[in-house]
PDB file of N, CA and C in Angstrom:
ATOM      1  N   MET A   1       0.647  -7.572  11.940  1.00  0.00           N
ATOM      2  CA  MET A   1       0.322  -7.406  10.522  1.00  0.00           C
ATOM      3  C   MET A   1      -0.963  -8.103  10.228  1.00  0.00           C
ATOM      4  N   GLU A   2      -1.809  -7.435   9.502  1.00  0.00           N
ATOM      5  CA  GLU A   2      -3.135  -7.999   9.103  1.00  0.00           C
ATOM      6  C   GLU A   2      -2.889  -9.122   8.097  1.00  0.00           C
ATOM      7  N   GLU A   3      -3.659 -10.197   8.285  1.00  0.00           N
ATOM      8  CA  GLU A   3      -3.559 -11.359   7.359  1.00  0.00           C
ATOM      9  C   GLU A   3      -4.332 -11.015   6.070  1.00  0.00           C
ATOM     10  N   LEU A   4      -3.702 -11.079   4.928  1.00  0.00           N
ATOM     11  CA  LEU A   4      -4.329 -10.776   3.648  1.00  0.00           C
ATOM     12  C   LEU A   4      -4.790 -12.051   2.997  1.00  0.00           C
ATOM     13  N   ARG A   5      -5.924 -11.992   2.350  1.00  0.00           N
ATOM     14  CA  ARG A   5      -6.416 -13.153   1.582  1.00  0.00           C
ATOM     15  C   ARG A   5      -5.750 -13.138   0.204  1.00  0.00           C
ATOM     16  N   VAL A   6      -4.927 -14.115  -0.036  1.00  0.00           N
ATOM     17  CA  VAL A   6      -4.072 -14.173  -1.247  1.00  0.00           C
ATOM     18  C   VAL A   6      -4.745 -15.078  -2.264  1.00  0.00           C
ATOM     19  N   ALA A   7      -4.936 -14.573  -3.483  1.00  0.00           N
ATOM     20  CA  ALA A   7      -5.536 -15.334  -4.583  1.00  0.00           C
ATOM     21  C   ALA A   7      -4.513 -16.224  -5.264  1.00  0.00           C
ATOM     22  N   ASP A   8      -3.219 -15.741  -5.328  1.00  0.00           N
ATOM     23  CA  ASP A   8      -2.165 -16.484  -5.979  1.00  0.00           C
ATOM     24  C   ASP A   8      -0.835 -16.033  -5.384  1.00  0.00           C
ATOM     25  N   ALA A   9       0.172 -16.853  -5.518  1.00  0.00           N
ATOM     26  CA  ALA A   9       1.491 -16.551  -5.009  1.00  0.00           C
ATOM     27  C   ALA A   9       2.574 -17.145  -5.876  1.00  0.00           C
ATOM     28  N   TRP A  10       3.757 -16.518  -5.810  1.00  0.00           N
ATOM     29  CA  TRP A  10       4.867 -16.976  -6.636  1.00  0.00           C
ATOM     30  C   TRP A  10       6.162 -16.663  -5.924  1.00  0.00           C
ATOM     31  N   ASP A  11       7.034 -17.672  -5.841  1.00  0.00           N
ATOM     32  CA  ASP A  11       8.381 -17.467  -5.280  1.00  0.00           C
ATOM     33  C   ASP A  11       9.319 -17.384  -6.485  1.00  0.00           C
ATOM     34  N   ALA A  12       9.819 -16.194  -6.745  1.00  0.00           N
ATOM     35  CA  ALA A  12      10.728 -15.964  -7.872  1.00  0.00           C
ATOM     36  C   ALA A  12      12.160 -16.272  -7.516  1.00  0.00           C
ATOM     37  N   GLY A  13      12.399 -16.618  -6.257  1.00  0.00           N
ATOM     38  CA  GLY A  13      13.763 -16.991  -5.846  1.00  0.00           C
ATOM     39  C   GLY A  13      14.751 -15.868  -6.063  1.00  0.00           C
ATOM     40  N   ASP A  14      15.907 -16.191  -6.645  1.00  0.00           N
ATOM     41  CA  ASP A  14      16.975 -15.189  -6.875  1.00  0.00           C
ATOM     42  C   ASP A  14      16.910 -14.635  -8.293  1.00  0.00           C
ATOM     43  N   MET A  15      15.840 -14.831  -9.003  1.00  0.00           N
ATOM     44  CA  MET A  15      15.684 -14.333 -10.366  1.00  0.00           C
ATOM     45  C   MET A  15      15.877 -12.816 -10.369  1.00  0.00           C
ATOM     46  N   GLY A  16      16.498 -12.293 -11.385  1.00  0.00           N
ATOM     47  CA  GLY A  16      16.716 -10.819 -11.503  1.00  0.00           C
ATOM     48  C   GLY A  16      15.410 -10.101 -11.684  1.00  0.00           C
ATOM     49  N   CYS A  17      15.354  -8.852 -11.253  1.00  0.00           N
ATOM     50  CA  CYS A  17      14.123  -8.092 -11.276  1.00  0.00           C
ATOM     51  C   CYS A  17      13.511  -7.866 -12.660  1.00  0.00           C
ATOM     52  N   GLY A  18      14.381  -7.739 -13.654  1.00  0.00           N
ATOM     53  CA  GLY A  18      13.859  -7.553 -15.015  1.00  0.00           C
ATOM     54  C   GLY A  18      12.983  -8.712 -15.446  1.00  0.00           C
ATOM     55  N   GLU A  19      13.504  -9.913 -15.196  1.00  0.00           N
ATOM     56  CA  GLU A  19      12.707 -11.115 -15.551  1.00  0.00           C
ATOM     57  C   GLU A  19      11.498 -11.269 -14.650  1.00  0.00           C
ATOM     58  N   VAL A  20      11.689 -10.967 -13.368  1.00  0.00           N
ATOM     59  CA  VAL A  20      10.576 -11.047 -12.403  1.00  0.00           C
ATOM     60  C   VAL A  20       9.393 -10.168 -12.865  1.00  0.00           C
ATOM     61  N   ILE A  21       9.694  -8.942 -13.292  1.00  0.00           N
ATOM     62  CA  ILE A  21       8.652  -8.001 -13.708  1.00  0.00           C
ATOM     63  C   ILE A  21       7.890  -8.545 -14.896  1.00  0.00           C
ATOM     64  N   ILE A  22       8.587  -9.093 -15.868  1.00  0.00           N
ATOM     65  CA  ILE A  22       7.966  -9.602 -17.066  1.00  0.00           C
ATOM     66  C   ILE A  22       7.033 -10.782 -16.698  1.00  0.00           C
ATOM     67  N   LEU A  23       7.527 -11.707 -15.902  1.00  0.00           N
ATOM     68  CA  LEU A  23       6.719 -12.877 -15.525  1.00  0.00           C
ATOM     69  C   LEU A  23       5.615 -12.500 -14.562  1.00  0.00           C
ATOM     70  N   LEU A  24       5.850 -11.533 -13.698  1.00  0.00           N
ATOM     71  CA  LEU A  24       4.835 -11.046 -12.762  1.00  0.00           C
ATOM     72  C   LEU A  24       3.648 -10.473 -13.535  1.00  0.00           C
ATOM     73  N   ARG A  25       3.917  -9.712 -14.558  1.00  0.00           N
ATOM     74  CA  ARG A  25       2.870  -9.130 -15.350  1.00  0.00           C
ATOM     75  C   ARG A  25       1.966 -10.240 -15.940  1.00  0.00           C
ATOM     76  N   THR A  26       2.558 -11.289 -16.430  1.00  0.00           N
ATOM     77  CA  THR A  26       1.817 -12.402 -17.026  1.00  0.00           C
ATOM     78  C   THR A  26       0.996 -13.121 -15.933  1.00  0.00           C
ATOM     79  N   ARG A  27       1.551 -13.349 -14.790  1.00  0.00           N
ATOM     80  CA  ARG A  27       0.874 -14.031 -13.699  1.00  0.00           C
ATOM     81  C   ARG A  27      -0.314 -13.199 -13.164  1.00  0.00           C
ATOM     82  N   MET A  28      -0.096 -11.888 -13.088  1.00  0.00           N
ATOM     83  CA  MET A  28      -1.172 -11.038 -12.508  1.00  0.00           C
ATOM     84  C   MET A  28      -2.336 -10.852 -13.447  1.00  0.00           C
ATOM     85  N   ARG A  29      -2.133 -11.076 -14.709  1.00  0.00           N
ATOM     86  CA  ARG A  29      -3.243 -11.001 -15.665  1.00  0.00           C
ATOM     87  C   ARG A  29      -4.358 -11.997 -15.363  1.00  0.00           C
ATOM     88  N   LYS A  30      -4.016 -13.062 -14.667  1.00  0.00           N
ATOM     89  CA  LYS A  30      -4.964 -14.106 -14.342  1.00  0.00           C
ATOM     90  C   LYS A  30      -5.851 -13.712 -13.183  1.00  0.00           C
ATOM     91  N   LEU A  31      -5.527 -12.660 -12.465  1.00  0.00           N
ATOM     92  CA  LEU A  31      -6.278 -12.259 -11.261  1.00  0.00           C
ATOM     93  C   LEU A  31      -7.433 -11.323 -11.656  1.00  0.00           C
ATOM     94  N   GLY A  32      -8.465 -11.368 -10.866  1.00  0.00           N
ATOM     95  CA  GLY A  32      -9.599 -10.470 -11.029  1.00  0.00           C
ATOM     96  C   GLY A  32      -9.303  -9.123 -10.322  1.00  0.00           C
ATOM     97  N   PRO A  33     -10.021  -8.108 -10.587  1.00  0.00           N
ATOM     98  CA  PRO A  33      -9.866  -6.802  -9.968  1.00  0.00           C
ATOM     99  C   PRO A  33      -9.911  -6.952  -8.448  1.00  0.00           C
ATOM    100  N   GLY A  34      -8.944  -6.320  -7.733  1.00  0.00           N
ATOM    101  CA  GLY A  34      -8.924  -6.327  -6.294  1.00  0.00           C
ATOM    102  C   GLY A  34      -8.343  -7.563  -5.646  1.00  0.00           C
ATOM    103  N   GLU A  35      -8.046  -8.610  -6.425  1.00  0.00           N
ATOM    104  CA  GLU A  35      -7.417  -9.777  -5.834  1.00  0.00           C
ATOM    105  C   GLU A  35      -5.972  -9.521  -5.470  1.00  0.00           C
ATOM    106  N   VAL A  36      -5.478 -10.271  -4.532  1.00  0.00           N
ATOM    107  CA  VAL A  36      -4.119 -10.052  -4.014  1.00  0.00           C
ATOM    108  C   VAL A  36      -3.191 -11.147  -4.454  1.00  0.00           C
ATOM    109  N   PHE A  37      -1.997 -10.715  -4.858  1.00  0.00           N
ATOM    110  CA  PHE A  37      -0.927 -11.640  -5.300  1.00  0.00           C
ATOM    111  C   PHE A  37       0.231 -11.474  -4.306  1.00  0.00           C
ATOM    112  N   LYS A  38       0.770 -12.579  -3.838  1.00  0.00           N
ATOM    113  CA  LYS A  38       1.957 -12.532  -2.974  1.00  0.00           C
ATOM    114  C   LYS A  38       3.159 -12.939  -3.798  1.00  0.00           C
ATOM    115  N   LEU A  39       4.133 -12.034  -3.872  1.00  0.00           N
ATOM    116  CA  LEU A  39       5.393 -12.283  -4.562  1.00  0.00           C
ATOM    117  C   LEU A  39       6.515 -12.401  -3.563  1.00  0.00           C
ATOM    118  N   THR A  40       7.369 -13.407  -3.760  1.00  0.00           N
ATOM    119  CA  THR A  40       8.584 -13.511  -2.997  1.00  0.00           C
ATOM    120  C   THR A  40       9.727 -13.329  -3.988  1.00  0.00           C
ATOM    121  N   ALA A  41      10.518 -12.279  -3.822  1.00  0.00           N
ATOM    122  CA  ALA A  41      11.607 -11.945  -4.733  1.00  0.00           C
ATOM    123  C   ALA A  41      12.832 -11.516  -3.907  1.00  0.00           C
ATOM    124  N   HIS A  42      13.913 -12.285  -4.068  1.00  0.00           N
ATOM    125  CA  HIS A  42      15.099 -12.055  -3.249  1.00  0.00           C
ATOM    126  C   HIS A  42      16.098 -11.098  -3.921  1.00  0.00           C
ATOM    127  N   ASP A  43      15.867 -10.738  -5.172  1.00  0.00           N
ATOM    128  CA  ASP A  43      16.785  -9.805  -5.875  1.00  0.00           C
ATOM    129  C   ASP A  43      16.951  -8.540  -5.061  1.00  0.00           C
ATOM    130  N   LEU A  44      18.167  -8.038  -4.969  1.00  0.00           N
ATOM    131  CA  LEU A  44      18.451  -6.838  -4.166  1.00  0.00           C
ATOM    132  C   LEU A  44      17.756  -5.576  -4.722  1.00  0.00           C
ATOM    133  N   GLY A  45      17.353  -5.594  -6.005  1.00  0.00           N
ATOM    134  CA  GLY A  45      16.682  -4.446  -6.577  1.00  0.00           C
ATOM    135  C   GLY A  45      15.173  -4.443  -6.309  1.00  0.00           C
ATOM    136  N   ALA A  46      14.640  -5.520  -5.813  1.00  0.00           N
ATOM    137  CA  ALA A  46      13.214  -5.660  -5.616  1.00  0.00           C
ATOM    138  C   ALA A  46      12.604  -4.562  -4.715  1.00  0.00           C
ATOM    139  N   PRO A  47      13.247  -4.179  -3.606  1.00  0.00           N
ATOM    140  CA  PRO A  47      12.619  -3.147  -2.778  1.00  0.00           C
ATOM    141  C   PRO A  47      12.356  -1.822  -3.502  1.00  0.00           C
ATOM    142  N   GLU A  48      13.080  -1.559  -4.537  1.00  0.00           N
ATOM    143  CA  GLU A  48      12.810  -0.349  -5.345  1.00  0.00           C
ATOM    144  C   GLU A  48      12.012  -0.697  -6.573  1.00  0.00           C
ATOM    145  N   ASP A  49      12.286  -1.760  -7.245  1.00  0.00           N
ATOM    146  CA  ASP A  49      11.666  -2.105  -8.533  1.00  0.00           C
ATOM    147  C   ASP A  49      10.196  -2.489  -8.381  1.00  0.00           C
ATOM    148  N   ILE A  50       9.824  -3.289  -7.377  1.00  0.00           N
ATOM    149  CA  ILE A  50       8.450  -3.782  -7.263  1.00  0.00           C
ATOM    150  C   ILE A  50       7.519  -2.587  -6.958  1.00  0.00           C
ATOM    151  N   PRO A  51       7.801  -1.707  -5.967  1.00  0.00           N
ATOM    152  CA  PRO A  51       6.905  -0.545  -5.752  1.00  0.00           C
ATOM    153  C   PRO A  51       6.803   0.346  -7.007  1.00  0.00           C
ATOM    154  N   ALA A  52       7.904   0.547  -7.725  1.00  0.00           N
ATOM    155  CA  ALA A  52       7.860   1.366  -8.913  1.00  0.00           C
ATOM    156  C   ALA A  52       6.958   0.693  -9.979  1.00  0.00           C
ATOM    157  N   TRP A  53       7.066  -0.549 -10.154  1.00  0.00           N
ATOM    158  CA  TRP A  53       6.269  -1.292 -11.129  1.00  0.00           C
ATOM    159  C   TRP A  53       4.760  -1.148 -10.769  1.00  0.00           C
ATOM    160  N   CYS A  54       4.464  -1.281  -9.477  1.00  0.00           N
ATOM    161  CA  CYS A  54       3.082  -1.137  -9.047  1.00  0.00           C
ATOM    162  C   CYS A  54       2.540   0.228  -9.397  1.00  0.00           C
ATOM    163  N   ARG A  55       3.297   1.252  -9.109  1.00  0.00           N
ATOM    164  CA  ARG A  55       2.851   2.645  -9.424  1.00  0.00           C
ATOM    165  C   ARG A  55       2.629   2.843 -10.905  1.00  0.00           C
ATOM    166  N   LEU A  56       3.533   2.311 -11.722  1.00  0.00           N
ATOM    167  CA  LEU A  56       3.433   2.456 -13.171  1.00  0.00           C
ATOM    168  C   LEU A  56       2.273   1.671 -13.800  1.00  0.00           C
ATOM    169  N   THR A  57       1.860   0.605 -13.160  1.00  0.00           N
ATOM    170  CA  THR A  57       0.829  -0.264 -13.756  1.00  0.00           C
ATOM    171  C   THR A  57      -0.532  -0.109 -13.093  1.00  0.00           C
ATOM    172  N   GLY A  58      -0.643   0.778 -12.087  1.00  0.00           N
ATOM    173  CA  GLY A  58      -1.957   1.010 -11.457  1.00  0.00           C
ATOM    174  C   GLY A  58      -2.299  -0.038 -10.411  1.00  0.00           C
ATOM    175  N   ARG A  59      -1.353  -0.861 -10.051  1.00  0.00           N
ATOM    176  CA  ARG A  59      -1.576  -1.868  -9.006  1.00  0.00           C
ATOM    177  C   ARG A  59      -1.196  -1.249  -7.683  1.00  0.00           C
ATOM    178  N   ARG A  60      -1.697  -1.819  -6.577  1.00  0.00           N
ATOM    179  CA  ARG A  60      -1.439  -1.250  -5.277  1.00  0.00           C
ATOM    180  C   ARG A  60      -0.573  -2.193  -4.469  1.00  0.00           C
ATOM    181  N   LEU A  61       0.540  -1.703  -3.989  1.00  0.00           N
ATOM    182  CA  LEU A  61       1.413  -2.462  -3.091  1.00  0.00           C
ATOM    183  C   LEU A  61       0.838  -2.373  -1.703  1.00  0.00           C
ATOM    184  N   LEU A  62       0.246  -3.444  -1.235  1.00  0.00           N
ATOM    185  CA  LEU A  62      -0.406  -3.447   0.057  1.00  0.00           C
ATOM    186  C   LEU A  62       0.567  -3.544   1.233  1.00  0.00           C
ATOM    187  N   GLN A  63       1.569  -4.406   1.070  1.00  0.00           N
ATOM    188  CA  GLN A  63       2.594  -4.607   2.097  1.00  0.00           C
ATOM    189  C   GLN A  63       3.872  -5.007   1.411  1.00  0.00           C
ATOM    190  N   ALA A  64       4.987  -4.592   2.011  1.00  0.00           N
ATOM    191  CA  ALA A  64       6.301  -4.997   1.497  1.00  0.00           C
ATOM    192  C   ALA A  64       7.218  -5.244   2.698  1.00  0.00           C
ATOM    193  N   GLN A  65       7.678  -6.447   2.814  1.00  0.00           N
ATOM    194  CA  GLN A  65       8.681  -6.812   3.795  1.00  0.00           C
ATOM    195  C   GLN A  65       9.660  -7.711   3.076  1.00  0.00           C
ATOM    196  N   HIS A  66      10.680  -7.124   2.438  1.00  0.00           N
ATOM    197  CA  HIS A  66      11.587  -7.875   1.606  1.00  0.00           C
ATOM    198  C   HIS A  66      11.991  -9.160   2.278  1.00  0.00           C
ATOM    199  N   PRO A  67      11.848 -10.276   1.589  1.00  0.00           N
ATOM    200  CA  PRO A  67      11.578 -10.465   0.165  1.00  0.00           C
ATOM    201  C   PRO A  67      10.117 -10.672  -0.209  1.00  0.00           C
ATOM    202  N   HIS A  68       9.166 -10.322   0.660  1.00  0.00           N
ATOM    203  CA  HIS A  68       7.739 -10.576   0.401  1.00  0.00           C
ATOM    204  C   HIS A  68       7.003  -9.318   0.030  1.00  0.00           C
ATOM    205  N   TYR A  69       6.144  -9.393  -0.993  1.00  0.00           N
ATOM    206  CA  TYR A  69       5.376  -8.275  -1.500  1.00  0.00           C
ATOM    207  C   TYR A  69       3.955  -8.711  -1.795  1.00  0.00           C
ATOM    208  N   TRP A  70       3.007  -7.996  -1.203  1.00  0.00           N
ATOM    209  CA  TRP A  70       1.597  -8.276  -1.427  1.00  0.00           C
ATOM    210  C   TRP A  70       1.042  -7.201  -2.340  1.00  0.00           C
ATOM    211  N   ILE A  71       0.550  -7.598  -3.543  1.00  0.00           N
ATOM    212  CA  ILE A  71       0.143  -6.658  -4.570  1.00  0.00           C
ATOM    213  C   ILE A  71      -1.323  -6.846  -4.907  1.00  0.00           C
ATOM    214  N   GLU A  72      -2.061  -5.765  -4.891  1.00  0.00           N
ATOM    215  CA  GLU A  72      -3.491  -5.820  -5.243  1.00  0.00           C
ATOM    216  C   GLU A  72      -3.699  -5.513  -6.706  1.00  0.00           C
ATOM    217  N   GLN A  73      -4.390  -6.367  -7.394  1.00  0.00           N
ATOM    218  CA  GLN A  73      -4.661  -6.198  -8.819  1.00  0.00           C
ATOM    219  C   GLN A  73      -5.472  -4.895  -9.035  1.00  0.00           C
ATOM    220  N   ALA A  74      -5.201  -4.225 -10.139  1.00  0.00           N
ATOM    221  CA  ALA A  74      -5.925  -2.984 -10.458  1.00  0.00           C
ATOM    222  C   ALA A  74      -7.401  -3.254 -10.596  1.00  0.00           C
ATOM    223  N   GLN A  75      -8.223  -2.279 -10.245  1.00  0.00           N
ATOM    224  CA  GLN A  75      -9.679  -2.424 -10.346  1.00  0.00           C
ATOM    225  C   GLN A  75     -10.132  -2.563 -11.760  1.00  0.00           C
ATOM    226  N   SER A  76      -9.372  -2.068 -12.721  1.00  0.00           N
ATOM    227  CA  SER A  76      -9.774  -2.148 -14.155  1.00  0.00           C
ATOM    228  C   SER A  76      -8.928  -3.228 -14.862  1.00  0.00           C
ATOM    229  N   ALA A  77      -8.606  -4.284 -14.197  1.00  0.00           N
ATOM    230  CA  ALA A  77      -7.772  -5.344 -14.800  1.00  0.00           C
ATOM    231  C   ALA A  77      -8.505  -6.078 -15.893  1.00  0.00           C
TER     232      ALA A  77
END
């Protein structure tokens, strides 16, 4: 696996995906366009919810290996 340069990271632990998504949005607002955020989310819904959130918000899911997700900030952030 290619090593990604991560601008910020967050371990959401066992927090439910609904709350993770809300807090993730706030955290990612701090990133510049193209920067990478590493999320660790153990919730069982994360493998479906995180990719769906990325598609809906224009962010790119670079890699996903539950519970780890590398998300690229949208170019127009």
